[in-house]
Amino acid sequence: MNSPYSIYQQSSVQTASGSQLLIMLYEGAIRFTKSGIEGINNRNYEAANTNLKKAQAIVNELIASLDTKYEIANDLLRIYEYMLHLLIQANVKKEASKAAEVLEHLSELRDAWKQAAKQTAGTLMKEAGSI
């Protein structure tokens, strides 16, 4: 049976715009990376492994969402591949510093997408107001 929170989450994903979904992916990757770092620091390697693998899965989803006919997508692909490499190394070597670097990149990219989404929404509102 689904909990009310689970139903709310499903509804949020189903009604989100493309940019909102992208931001949700970044936030999930950030949350799992933080939990992975915490697991490494607490020597709870099972939790670290589980969370870092979840972060890797989200980065793989970000890669799958790219349309590589655009140059910016190819740039993002290289960044995502680098983050995947770091996440794998953090997990294998249990080095929190590698995951922390990924966390920085994820946070910067999420913030950039949030800003872009705000600007796009503002432009759309201005255009709608001039109709």
Protein backbone atom coordinates (compact mmCIF):
# COMPACT_ATOMS: atom_id res chain seq x y z
CA MET A 1 0.00 0.00 0.00
CA ASN A 2 1.31 3.45 -0.91
CA SER A 3 1.83 5.97 1.85
CA PRO A 4 0.48 9.51 1.43
CA TYR A 5 4.08 10.73 1.03
CA SER A 6 4.72 8.17 -1.73
CA ILE A 7 1.54 9.24 -3.53
CA TYR A 8 2.60 12.90 -3.21
CA GLN A 9 6.04 12.10 -4.64
CA GLN A 10 4.53 10.27 -7.61
CA SER A 11 2.19 13.18 -8.27
CA SER A 12 5.06 15.67 -8.04
CA VAL A 13 7.10 13.77 -10.62
CA GLN A 14 4.15 13.24 -12.96
CA THR A 15 3.22 16.94 -12.99
CA ALA A 16 6.73 18.42 -13.05
CA SER A 17 8.13 20.28 -16.04
CA GLY A 18 11.32 19.11 -17.73
CA SER A 19 13.46 21.60 -15.83
CA GLN A 20 11.79 20.65 -12.53
CA LEU A 21 12.51 16.96 -13.21
CA LEU A 22 16.13 17.78 -13.96
CA ILE A 23 16.44 19.72 -10.71
CA MET A 24 14.82 16.80 -8.84
CA LEU A 25 17.45 14.47 -10.32
CA TYR A 26 20.25 16.77 -9.18
CA GLU A 27 18.74 17.03 -5.70
CA GLY A 28 18.49 13.25 -5.46
CA ALA A 29 22.10 12.82 -6.57
CA ILE A 30 23.18 15.44 -4.04
CA ARG A 31 21.25 13.72 -1.24
CA PHE A 32 22.71 10.29 -2.07
CA THR A 33 26.24 11.66 -2.45
CA LYS A 34 25.98 13.36 0.96
CA SER A 35 24.75 10.09 2.47
CA GLY A 36 27.62 8.25 0.78
CA ILE A 37 30.13 10.68 2.25
CA GLU A 38 28.53 10.27 5.66
CA GLY A 39 28.75 6.49 5.31
CA ILE A 40 32.45 6.67 4.44
CA ASN A 41 33.17 9.06 7.32
CA ASN A 42 31.27 6.82 9.76
CA ARG A 43 32.91 3.68 8.36
CA ASN A 44 29.47 2.37 7.43
CA TYR A 45 30.69 1.07 4.10
CA GLU A 46 27.46 -0.74 3.23
CA ALA A 47 25.51 2.53 3.47
CA ALA A 48 28.26 4.35 1.57
CA ASN A 49 28.14 1.76 -1.20
CA THR A 50 24.36 1.83 -1.46
CA ASN A 51 24.14 5.62 -1.58
CA LEU A 52 27.06 6.16 -3.95
CA LYS A 53 25.58 3.58 -6.33
CA LYS A 54 22.26 5.46 -6.23
CA ALA A 55 24.09 8.71 -7.04
CA GLN A 56 25.82 6.92 -9.94
CA ALA A 57 22.45 5.71 -11.24
CA ILE A 58 21.12 9.28 -11.25
CA VAL A 59 24.19 10.58 -13.06
CA ASN A 60 23.62 7.81 -15.63
CA GLU A 61 20.04 9.10 -16.03
CA LEU A 62 21.40 12.60 -16.56
CA ILE A 63 23.68 11.20 -19.27
CA ALA A 64 20.77 9.38 -20.91
CA SER A 65 18.76 12.62 -21.03
CA LEU A 66 21.38 14.46 -23.11
CA ASP A 67 20.79 15.33 -26.75
CA THR A 68 24.36 15.20 -28.02
CA LYS A 69 23.64 17.05 -31.24
CA TYR A 70 24.17 20.20 -29.15
CA GLU A 71 27.70 21.18 -28.09
CA ILE A 72 26.60 22.02 -24.54
CA ALA A 73 25.30 18.47 -24.16
CA ASN A 74 28.72 17.12 -25.14
CA ASP A 75 30.32 19.37 -22.52
CA LEU A 76 27.86 18.10 -19.91
CA LEU A 77 28.57 14.53 -20.98
CA ARG A 78 32.24 14.99 -20.18
CA ILE A 79 31.38 16.49 -16.78
CA TYR A 80 28.94 13.67 -15.97
CA GLU A 81 31.47 11.02 -17.02
CA TYR A 82 34.06 12.65 -14.77
CA MET A 83 31.59 12.66 -11.88
CA LEU A 84 30.82 8.98 -12.49
CA HIS A 85 34.54 8.21 -12.40
CA LEU A 86 34.90 10.08 -9.10
CA LEU A 87 31.87 8.37 -7.56
CA ILE A 88 33.22 4.95 -8.51
CA GLN A 89 36.66 5.82 -7.12
CA ALA A 90 35.11 7.20 -3.92
CA ASN A 91 33.17 3.98 -3.49
CA VAL A 92 36.01 1.58 -4.31
CA LYS A 93 38.69 3.44 -2.35
CA LYS A 94 36.32 4.79 0.33
CA GLU A 95 37.63 8.32 -0.23
CA ALA A 96 35.10 10.91 0.86
CA SER A 97 37.11 13.70 -0.83
CA LYS A 98 36.30 12.31 -4.28
CA ALA A 99 32.58 12.23 -3.48
CA ALA A 100 32.86 15.73 -2.01
CA GLU A 101 34.19 16.99 -5.34
CA VAL A 102 31.18 15.44 -7.07
CA LEU A 103 28.93 17.12 -4.53
CA GLU A 104 30.39 20.50 -5.47
CA HIS A 105 29.82 19.90 -9.18
CA LEU A 106 26.27 18.65 -8.64
CA SER A 107 25.40 21.65 -6.46
CA GLU A 108 26.80 24.12 -9.00
CA LEU A 109 24.94 22.48 -11.87
CA ARG A 110 21.69 22.30 -9.89
CA ASP A 111 21.96 25.97 -8.99
CA ALA A 112 22.63 26.88 -12.63
CA TRP A 113 19.56 24.93 -13.77
CA LYS A 114 17.44 26.56 -11.05
CA GLN A 115 18.55 29.99 -12.24
CA ALA A 116 17.86 29.08 -15.87
CA ALA A 117 14.40 27.79 -14.95
CA LYS A 118 13.62 31.03 -13.09
CA GLN A 119 14.76 33.14 -16.03
CA THR A 120 12.74 31.04 -18.47
CA ALA A 121 9.65 31.28 -16.27
CA GLY A 122 10.10 35.05 -15.96
CA THR A 123 10.43 35.43 -19.72
CA LEU A 124 7.32 33.33 -20.29
CA MET A 125 5.35 35.41 -17.78
CA LYS A 126 6.43 38.65 -19.49
CA GLU A 127 5.47 37.25 -22.89
CA ALA A 128 2.11 36.08 -21.59
CA GLY A 129 1.49 39.52 -20.11
CA SER A 130 2.11 41.22 -23.45
CA ILE A 131 -0.42 39.12 -25.34
